[in-house]
Each structure stands twice: as structure tokens, then as C-alpha cells.
Amino acid sequence: MKRSEINHAIREMEQMVRRCRFPLPPFCNFTPEEWKEKGHEYDEIRDNMLGWDISDCGLGRFEEIGFMLITLRNGNQHLGKYKKPYAEKLMYVREGQKAPMHFHWFKMEDIINRGGGNMLIRVFHSTENEELSDSDVTVEKDGKKEVVLAGTQVKLCPGESITIYPGLYHEFETEVGTGPVLLGEVSRCNDDERDNRFYDPSVGRFSTIEEDEAPYRLLCNEYPAAKGGYE
């Protein structure tokens, strides 16, 4: 993925966040130069991968498949000094763009339409062999339960949410003609390095970046070490 694509995606998401009046925490606005001057007071951001996360999932088709998101807060299952058992994200999905089919072994999450168009979330149970099950799915949507057929696309209009349990395959895309969507996610601790099971084995979580221009913002896996060295 080209750095210019990442820079453009970040600026585009910033515009959507402003339109939806969802102010971002200060660290989302740090420049690469400012990050070089940050000390250990920002270790929580580095250790728990808070901040910008733009990926084409290693497929090279970002206009069709990919992630644009910000991790706003997160705990850590592997570093005991971080006690938060929860995480929160913002995601931006362009019209015509899709997040690939996946589930989480540990994380349970609520996905919330924070504004923009309508979001379609396709759901399948997973089998013991981590294949797609043809069994019906009980959907929890804003406190209401309903049973849908495997592979149903559940629609989230602005303000609506769905609960995704561990082992539940899901992919999402915008409803054509309704415009891009700003999604929220409230969940257990997030671990993007160990807790994503993509149905398509060719899908990867992070992109290889072609540096065709300078970075506008650093991604969550790009922060330099704290100024003054490691503690």
C-alpha cells in the first residue's frame, strides 16, 4: 500500500469525524516529528497500539477491501500493568469498500453506526473447524434478539448497533447509495496481532508500505521508541 494512499485515507477520515462531531483525543493529531519528542508518558499508546490504523489487508485493493480505523483506548491481555478490560475504536468505511470476513477468538464487541449512511453486516457462525456454518444466527441488536439465516446482512442505520460474540464470522460494507459510514466499536481488549481469524487465508492484518511520500500521521505500529530510551 502506498504511503500517499494512507495519507489520503487519514485526511478523509478526519473530515468524516469532524462532520459527525466526534472530537479525537490529542494523540491522534501528533505529527511524526512530534512523536520523536515524546517520552515514556505515552507508553500506553505505544504498547497498546492506540491511534491510526490503515490497511489494505495485504491484498492491494484498498478501494474494495480494507480498514480505516482509530483505536481510541485499549487494555492489554499480555502486559499486566495495563488494567483496562475494554477497548474502543472508530472505523470509517467508504461506499463500495468492505472489511473482510473474520472472527475473534477472545474479543466480544458492539459495532455501532455513529453516522453517515447505512452499514450491512453479514454474519455466520463458525464451525469447530473454523469454516462457515449454515446454522441460523441469533442476532442481538440494541437489546432486541432476532434469529436470521446464515449469511444474512444485518442493516445498521445511524444510531443502531449489533453485538458480535467470539467465533461469529462477520464482514461489513456500506449500503449502496447511502454514503460512507463512521462506525464505533466498544469491546473487550483488542489484540490485532493474535486475535483475528480471517476466512480467506490470503488476508493479512497490516500492510507493507511503499514510501512514495512523507507520512502525514504515524500508524499505530510505527511509533518510535520513547525519547530518552527504554525504561
C-alpha atoms as a PDB file:
ATOM      1  CA  MET A   1       0.000   0.000   0.000  1.00  0.00           C
ATOM      2  CA  LYS A   2       1.397   3.423  -0.904  1.00  0.00           C
ATOM      3  CA  ARG A   3       2.023   5.981   1.819  1.00  0.00           C
ATOM      4  CA  SER A   4       0.143   8.508  -0.302  1.00  0.00           C
ATOM      5  CA  GLU A   5      -2.971   6.270  -0.105  1.00  0.00           C
ATOM      6  CA  ILE A   6      -2.624   6.082   3.678  1.00  0.00           C
ATOM      7  CA  ASN A   7      -2.204   9.848   3.995  1.00  0.00           C
ATOM      8  CA  HIS A   8      -5.273  10.458   1.825  1.00  0.00           C
ATOM      9  CA  ALA A   9      -7.332   7.939   3.832  1.00  0.00           C
ATOM     10  CA  ILE A  10      -6.402   9.580   7.147  1.00  0.00           C
ATOM     11  CA  ARG A  11      -7.344  13.050   5.895  1.00  0.00           C
ATOM     12  CA  GLU A  12     -10.624  11.678   4.541  1.00  0.00           C
ATOM     13  CA  MET A  13     -11.466  10.023   7.858  1.00  0.00           C
ATOM     14  CA  GLU A  14     -10.582  13.224   9.732  1.00  0.00           C
ATOM     15  CA  GLN A  15     -13.134  15.071   7.603  1.00  0.00           C
ATOM     16  CA  MET A  16     -15.817  12.456   8.358  1.00  0.00           C
ATOM     17  CA  VAL A  17     -15.084  12.623  12.078  1.00  0.00           C
ATOM     18  CA  ARG A  18     -15.497  16.400  12.004  1.00  0.00           C
ATOM     19  CA  ARG A  19     -18.786  16.098  10.091  1.00  0.00           C
ATOM     20  CA  CYS A  20     -20.087  13.694  12.720  1.00  0.00           C
ATOM     21  CA  ARG A  21     -18.817  15.958  15.524  1.00  0.00           C
ATOM     22  CA  PHE A  22     -16.765  13.259  17.208  1.00  0.00           C
ATOM     23  CA  PRO A  23     -13.681  15.042  18.641  1.00  0.00           C
ATOM     24  CA  LEU A  24     -10.496  12.958  18.695  1.00  0.00           C
ATOM     25  CA  PRO A  25      -8.000  12.753  21.580  1.00  0.00           C
ATOM     26  CA  PRO A  26      -4.821  14.859  21.204  1.00  0.00           C
ATOM     27  CA  PHE A  27      -2.511  11.951  20.307  1.00  0.00           C
ATOM     28  CA  CYS A  28      -4.428  11.401  17.044  1.00  0.00           C
ATOM     29  CA  ASN A  29      -3.113  14.772  15.841  1.00  0.00           C
ATOM     30  CA  PHE A  30       0.585  14.278  16.650  1.00  0.00           C
ATOM     31  CA  THR A  31       2.878  14.665  13.659  1.00  0.00           C
ATOM     32  CA  PRO A  32       5.761  12.229  13.018  1.00  0.00           C
ATOM     33  CA  GLU A  33       8.152  14.960  14.189  1.00  0.00           C
ATOM     34  CA  GLU A  34       6.228  15.416  17.443  1.00  0.00           C
ATOM     35  CA  TRP A  35       6.299  11.657  18.114  1.00  0.00           C
ATOM     36  CA  LYS A  36      10.123  11.755  18.087  1.00  0.00           C
ATOM     37  CA  GLU A  37       9.992  14.055  21.125  1.00  0.00           C
ATOM     38  CA  LYS A  38       7.519  12.031  23.196  1.00  0.00           C
ATOM     39  CA  GLY A  39       8.817  10.232  26.268  1.00  0.00           C
ATOM     40  CA  HIS A  40       7.589   7.382  28.457  1.00  0.00           C
ATOM     41  CA  GLU A  41       4.486   9.298  29.477  1.00  0.00           C
ATOM     42  CA  TYR A  42       2.989   7.983  26.195  1.00  0.00           C
ATOM     43  CA  ASP A  43       3.972   4.328  26.653  1.00  0.00           C
ATOM     44  CA  GLU A  44       0.325   3.257  26.950  1.00  0.00           C
ATOM     45  CA  ILE A  45      -0.275   4.463  23.400  1.00  0.00           C
ATOM     46  CA  ARG A  46       2.795   2.650  22.059  1.00  0.00           C
ATOM     47  CA  ASP A  47       2.303  -0.592  23.994  1.00  0.00           C
ATOM     48  CA  ASN A  48      -1.427  -0.932  23.274  1.00  0.00           C
ATOM     49  CA  MET A  49      -1.294   0.278  19.654  1.00  0.00           C
ATOM     50  CA  LEU A  50      -3.606   3.252  20.063  1.00  0.00           C
ATOM     51  CA  GLY A  51      -4.015   5.615  17.135  1.00  0.00           C
ATOM     52  CA  TRP A  52      -4.294   5.379  13.363  1.00  0.00           C
ATOM     53  CA  ASP A  53      -4.598   2.038  11.576  1.00  0.00           C
ATOM     54  CA  ILE A  54      -4.997   1.978   7.782  1.00  0.00           C
ATOM     55  CA  SER A  55      -4.639  -1.341   5.944  1.00  0.00           C
ATOM     56  CA  ASP A  56      -5.451  -2.929   2.603  1.00  0.00           C
ATOM     57  CA  CYS A  57      -5.210  -6.357   4.325  1.00  0.00           C
ATOM     58  CA  GLY A  58      -2.259  -7.192   2.108  1.00  0.00           C
ATOM     59  CA  LEU A  59      -4.490  -7.560  -0.967  1.00  0.00           C
ATOM     60  CA  GLY A  60      -3.549  -4.349  -2.795  1.00  0.00           C
ATOM     61  CA  ARG A  61      -7.203  -3.403  -3.446  1.00  0.00           C
ATOM     62  CA  PHE A  62      -7.826  -0.742  -0.824  1.00  0.00           C
ATOM     63  CA  GLU A  63     -10.739   0.831  -2.721  1.00  0.00           C
ATOM     64  CA  GLU A  64     -12.553  -2.519  -2.382  1.00  0.00           C
ATOM     65  CA  ILE A  65     -11.205  -4.208   0.769  1.00  0.00           C
ATOM     66  CA  GLY A  66      -9.525  -2.641   3.767  1.00  0.00           C
ATOM     67  CA  PHE A  67      -9.645  -0.931   7.147  1.00  0.00           C
ATOM     68  CA  MET A  68      -9.621   2.731   8.142  1.00  0.00           C
ATOM     69  CA  LEU A  69      -9.771   2.999  11.893  1.00  0.00           C
ATOM     70  CA  ILE A  70      -8.523   4.634  15.075  1.00  0.00           C
ATOM     71  CA  THR A  71      -8.020   2.767  18.339  1.00  0.00           C
ATOM     72  CA  LEU A  72      -9.034   5.330  20.951  1.00  0.00           C
ATOM     73  CA  ARG A  73      -8.474   3.236  24.091  1.00  0.00           C
ATOM     74  CA  ASN A  74      -7.325  -0.291  24.836  1.00  0.00           C
ATOM     75  CA  GLY A  75      -6.140  -2.585  27.596  1.00  0.00           C
ATOM     76  CA  ASN A  76      -3.611  -5.363  27.181  1.00  0.00           C
ATOM     77  CA  GLN A  77      -4.017  -9.078  27.889  1.00  0.00           C
ATOM     78  CA  HIS A  78      -0.253  -9.647  27.850  1.00  0.00           C
ATOM     79  CA  LEU A  79       1.142  -6.696  29.842  1.00  0.00           C
ATOM     80  CA  GLY A  80      -0.225  -6.785  33.368  1.00  0.00           C
ATOM     81  CA  LYS A  81       0.462  -3.111  34.102  1.00  0.00           C
ATOM     82  CA  TYR A  82      -2.487  -2.125  31.871  1.00  0.00           C
ATOM     83  CA  LYS A  83      -5.711  -2.905  33.722  1.00  0.00           C
ATOM     84  CA  LYS A  84      -8.411  -1.793  31.270  1.00  0.00           C
ATOM     85  CA  PRO A  85     -10.557  -4.793  30.244  1.00  0.00           C
ATOM     86  CA  TYR A  86     -12.078  -2.851  27.345  1.00  0.00           C
ATOM     87  CA  ALA A  87     -11.286  -1.093  24.081  1.00  0.00           C
ATOM     88  CA  GLU A  88     -12.912   1.497  21.819  1.00  0.00           C
ATOM     89  CA  LYS A  89     -12.408   2.162  18.111  1.00  0.00           C
ATOM     90  CA  LEU A  90     -13.684   4.387  15.352  1.00  0.00           C
ATOM     91  CA  MET A  91     -13.884   2.980  11.829  1.00  0.00           C
ATOM     92  CA  TYR A  92     -14.582   4.709   8.537  1.00  0.00           C
ATOM     93  CA  VAL A  93     -15.955   2.742   5.590  1.00  0.00           C
ATOM     94  CA  ARG A  94     -16.243   4.262   2.134  1.00  0.00           C
ATOM     95  CA  GLU A  95     -19.145   3.408  -0.115  1.00  0.00           C
ATOM     96  CA  GLY A  96     -18.059   0.345  -2.107  1.00  0.00           C
ATOM     97  CA  GLN A  97     -15.444  -0.704   0.454  1.00  0.00           C
ATOM     98  CA  LYS A  98     -15.638  -3.898   2.512  1.00  0.00           C
ATOM     99  CA  ALA A  99     -13.993  -5.295   5.639  1.00  0.00           C
ATOM    100  CA  PRO A 100     -13.190  -8.985   5.007  1.00  0.00           C
ATOM    101  CA  MET A 101     -14.913 -11.928   6.681  1.00  0.00           C
ATOM    102  CA  HIS A 102     -13.334 -12.692  10.059  1.00  0.00           C
ATOM    103  CA  PHE A 103     -13.967 -13.583  13.676  1.00  0.00           C
ATOM    104  CA  HIS A 104     -12.173 -13.162  17.004  1.00  0.00           C
ATOM    105  CA  TRP A 105     -11.311 -15.959  19.441  1.00  0.00           C
ATOM    106  CA  PHE A 106     -11.381 -13.665  22.501  1.00  0.00           C
ATOM    107  CA  LYS A 107     -12.899 -10.305  21.705  1.00  0.00           C
ATOM    108  CA  MET A 108     -16.600  -9.585  22.077  1.00  0.00           C
ATOM    109  CA  GLU A 109     -17.698  -6.278  20.584  1.00  0.00           C
ATOM    110  CA  ASP A 110     -20.568  -3.965  19.863  1.00  0.00           C
ATOM    111  CA  ILE A 111     -20.385  -2.360  16.410  1.00  0.00           C
ATOM    112  CA  ILE A 112     -22.255   0.957  16.319  1.00  0.00           C
ATOM    113  CA  ASN A 113     -23.257   3.129  13.373  1.00  0.00           C
ATOM    114  CA  ARG A 114     -22.097   6.572  14.565  1.00  0.00           C
ATOM    115  CA  GLY A 115     -23.228   8.471  11.487  1.00  0.00           C
ATOM    116  CA  GLY A 116     -23.376   8.704   7.708  1.00  0.00           C
ATOM    117  CA  GLY A 117     -25.035   6.012   5.609  1.00  0.00           C
ATOM    118  CA  ASN A 118     -26.265   2.517   6.446  1.00  0.00           C
ATOM    119  CA  MET A 119     -23.960  -0.390   7.273  1.00  0.00           C
ATOM    120  CA  LEU A 120     -24.597  -4.001   6.229  1.00  0.00           C
ATOM    121  CA  ILE A 121     -23.004  -6.680   8.440  1.00  0.00           C
ATOM    122  CA  ARG A 122     -23.069 -10.268   7.134  1.00  0.00           C
ATOM    123  CA  VAL A 123     -22.983 -12.936   9.868  1.00  0.00           C
ATOM    124  CA  PHE A 124     -22.182 -16.658  10.048  1.00  0.00           C
ATOM    125  CA  HIS A 125     -21.471 -18.938  12.978  1.00  0.00           C
ATOM    126  CA  SER A 126     -18.132 -20.706  12.733  1.00  0.00           C
ATOM    127  CA  THR A 127     -17.801 -24.487  12.896  1.00  0.00           C
ATOM    128  CA  GLU A 128     -15.321 -26.423  15.052  1.00  0.00           C
ATOM    129  CA  ASN A 129     -13.002 -26.395  12.015  1.00  0.00           C
ATOM    130  CA  GLU A 130     -13.428 -22.600  11.662  1.00  0.00           C
ATOM    131  CA  GLU A 131     -15.483 -22.902   8.493  1.00  0.00           C
ATOM    132  CA  LEU A 132     -18.746 -21.068   7.782  1.00  0.00           C
ATOM    133  CA  SER A 133     -21.724 -22.740   9.445  1.00  0.00           C
ATOM    134  CA  ASP A 134     -25.133 -22.945   7.766  1.00  0.00           C
ATOM    135  CA  SER A 135     -26.935 -22.748  11.134  1.00  0.00           C
ATOM    136  CA  ASP A 136     -29.237 -19.845  11.982  1.00  0.00           C
ATOM    137  CA  VAL A 137     -27.733 -16.895  13.847  1.00  0.00           C
ATOM    138  CA  THR A 138     -29.295 -15.226  16.880  1.00  0.00           C
ATOM    139  CA  VAL A 139     -28.624 -11.518  16.434  1.00  0.00           C
ATOM    140  CA  GLU A 140     -28.586  -9.039  19.324  1.00  0.00           C
ATOM    141  CA  LYS A 141     -29.313  -5.555  18.020  1.00  0.00           C
ATOM    142  CA  ASP A 142     -29.783  -2.726  20.545  1.00  0.00           C
ATOM    143  CA  GLY A 143     -31.247  -5.011  23.175  1.00  0.00           C
ATOM    144  CA  LYS A 144     -33.517  -6.895  20.763  1.00  0.00           C
ATOM    145  CA  LYS A 145     -32.907 -10.536  19.789  1.00  0.00           C
ATOM    146  CA  GLU A 146     -33.904 -11.985  16.443  1.00  0.00           C
ATOM    147  CA  VAL A 147     -32.975 -15.136  14.533  1.00  0.00           C
ATOM    148  CA  VAL A 148     -31.670 -14.764  10.970  1.00  0.00           C
ATOM    149  CA  LEU A 149     -30.450 -17.195   8.322  1.00  0.00           C
ATOM    150  CA  ALA A 150     -26.730 -17.838   7.981  1.00  0.00           C
ATOM    151  CA  GLY A 151     -25.192 -15.229   5.686  1.00  0.00           C
ATOM    152  CA  THR A 152     -27.863 -12.594   6.324  1.00  0.00           C
ATOM    153  CA  GLN A 153     -26.757  -8.975   6.039  1.00  0.00           C
ATOM    154  CA  VAL A 154     -27.977  -7.138   9.130  1.00  0.00           C
ATOM    155  CA  LYS A 155     -28.605  -3.448   8.448  1.00  0.00           C
ATOM    156  CA  LEU A 156     -27.415  -0.796  10.896  1.00  0.00           C
ATOM    157  CA  CYS A 157     -28.868   2.669  10.347  1.00  0.00           C
ATOM    158  CA  PRO A 158     -27.231   5.623  12.166  1.00  0.00           C
ATOM    159  CA  GLY A 159     -27.502   5.100  15.911  1.00  0.00           C
ATOM    160  CA  GLU A 160     -28.045   1.327  15.687  1.00  0.00           C
ATOM    161  CA  SER A 161     -25.655  -1.370  16.916  1.00  0.00           C
ATOM    162  CA  ILE A 162     -25.070  -5.116  16.877  1.00  0.00           C
ATOM    163  CA  THR A 163     -23.271  -7.401  19.340  1.00  0.00           C
ATOM    164  CA  ILE A 164     -20.618  -9.710  17.856  1.00  0.00           C
ATOM    165  CA  TYR A 165     -19.615 -12.678  20.027  1.00  0.00           C
ATOM    166  CA  PRO A 166     -16.327 -14.610  19.807  1.00  0.00           C
ATOM    167  CA  GLY A 167     -16.428 -17.135  16.983  1.00  0.00           C
ATOM    168  CA  LEU A 168     -19.058 -15.239  14.980  1.00  0.00           C
ATOM    169  CA  TYR A 169     -17.831 -14.565  11.451  1.00  0.00           C
ATOM    170  CA  HIS A 170     -18.703 -11.081  10.202  1.00  0.00           C
ATOM    171  CA  GLU A 171     -17.904  -8.793   7.304  1.00  0.00           C
ATOM    172  CA  PHE A 172     -19.305  -5.348   6.662  1.00  0.00           C
ATOM    173  CA  GLU A 173     -19.873  -2.888   3.851  1.00  0.00           C
ATOM    174  CA  THR A 174     -21.901   0.249   3.265  1.00  0.00           C
ATOM    175  CA  GLU A 175     -25.365   0.033   1.728  1.00  0.00           C
ATOM    176  CA  VAL A 176     -25.052   1.300  -1.846  1.00  0.00           C
ATOM    177  CA  GLY A 177     -26.476   4.779  -2.299  1.00  0.00           C
ATOM    178  CA  THR A 178     -26.435   5.755   1.388  1.00  0.00           C
ATOM    179  CA  GLY A 179     -22.895   7.156   1.585  1.00  0.00           C
ATOM    180  CA  PRO A 180     -19.835   6.424   3.741  1.00  0.00           C
ATOM    181  CA  VAL A 181     -20.247   5.389   7.371  1.00  0.00           C
ATOM    182  CA  LEU A 182     -18.491   6.210  10.626  1.00  0.00           C
ATOM    183  CA  LEU A 183     -18.594   3.132  12.854  1.00  0.00           C
ATOM    184  CA  GLY A 184     -17.857   2.828  16.546  1.00  0.00           C
ATOM    185  CA  GLU A 185     -16.647  -0.296  18.300  1.00  0.00           C
ATOM    186  CA  VAL A 186     -16.809  -0.979  22.037  1.00  0.00           C
ATOM    187  CA  SER A 187     -15.222  -4.285  23.041  1.00  0.00           C
ATOM    188  CA  ARG A 188     -13.035  -6.371  25.251  1.00  0.00           C
ATOM    189  CA  CYS A 189      -9.316  -5.698  24.892  1.00  0.00           C
ATOM    190  CA  ASN A 190      -8.239  -5.616  21.275  1.00  0.00           C
ATOM    191  CA  ASP A 191      -5.260  -7.659  20.043  1.00  0.00           C
ATOM    192  CA  ASP A 192      -4.828  -7.295  16.297  1.00  0.00           C
ATOM    193  CA  GLU A 193      -1.641  -9.349  16.247  1.00  0.00           C
ATOM    194  CA  ARG A 194      -3.181 -12.539  17.740  1.00  0.00           C
ATOM    195  CA  ASP A 195      -6.986 -12.363  17.760  1.00  0.00           C
ATOM    196  CA  ASN A 196      -8.123 -12.149  14.129  1.00  0.00           C
ATOM    197  CA  ARG A 197      -9.189 -15.232  12.175  1.00  0.00           C
ATOM    198  CA  PHE A 198      -9.736 -14.230   8.548  1.00  0.00           C
ATOM    199  CA  TYR A 199     -11.760 -16.686   6.486  1.00  0.00           C
ATOM    200  CA  ASP A 200      -9.602 -16.012   3.427  1.00  0.00           C
ATOM    201  CA  PRO A 201      -6.066 -17.136   4.370  1.00  0.00           C
ATOM    202  CA  SER A 202      -4.528 -14.643   1.936  1.00  0.00           C
ATOM    203  CA  VAL A 203      -5.793 -11.738   4.031  1.00  0.00           C
ATOM    204  CA  GLY A 204      -3.270 -10.069   6.347  1.00  0.00           C
ATOM    205  CA  ARG A 205      -3.878  -7.576   9.123  1.00  0.00           C
ATOM    206  CA  PHE A 206      -1.188  -4.985   8.358  1.00  0.00           C
ATOM    207  CA  SER A 207       0.084  -3.656   5.036  1.00  0.00           C
ATOM    208  CA  THR A 208       3.537  -3.445   3.525  1.00  0.00           C
ATOM    209  CA  ILE A 209       4.022   0.261   2.828  1.00  0.00           C
ATOM    210  CA  GLU A 210       5.601   1.788  -0.268  1.00  0.00           C
ATOM    211  CA  GLU A 211       7.082   5.108   0.836  1.00  0.00           C
ATOM    212  CA  ASP A 212       6.179   7.369  -2.089  1.00  0.00           C
ATOM    213  CA  GLU A 213       5.775  10.457   0.153  1.00  0.00           C
ATOM    214  CA  ALA A 214       6.357  11.503   3.764  1.00  0.00           C
ATOM    215  CA  PRO A 215       3.870  10.258   6.371  1.00  0.00           C
ATOM    216  CA  TYR A 216       1.151  12.672   7.470  1.00  0.00           C
ATOM    217  CA  ARG A 217       0.454  10.711  10.688  1.00  0.00           C
ATOM    218  CA  LEU A 218       2.234   7.645  12.044  1.00  0.00           C
ATOM    219  CA  LEU A 219       0.287   4.398  12.192  1.00  0.00           C
ATOM    220  CA  CYS A 220      -0.164   2.537  15.467  1.00  0.00           C
ATOM    221  CA  ASN A 221       2.642   0.088  14.638  1.00  0.00           C
ATOM    222  CA  GLU A 222       5.135   2.789  13.581  1.00  0.00           C
ATOM    223  CA  TYR A 223       5.847   4.807  16.731  1.00  0.00           C
ATOM    224  CA  PRO A 224       9.500   5.489  17.551  1.00  0.00           C
ATOM    225  CA  ALA A 225      10.917   4.473  20.927  1.00  0.00           C
ATOM    226  CA  ALA A 226      10.348   6.888  23.782  1.00  0.00           C
ATOM    227  CA  LYS A 227      12.759   9.788  23.883  1.00  0.00           C
ATOM    228  CA  GLY A 228      15.425   9.013  26.436  1.00  0.00           C
ATOM    229  CA  GLY A 229      15.463   5.283  25.717  1.00  0.00           C
ATOM    230  CA  TYR A 230      13.585   2.388  27.265  1.00  0.00           C
ATOM    231  CA  GLU A 231      12.798   2.206  30.984  1.00  0.00           C
END
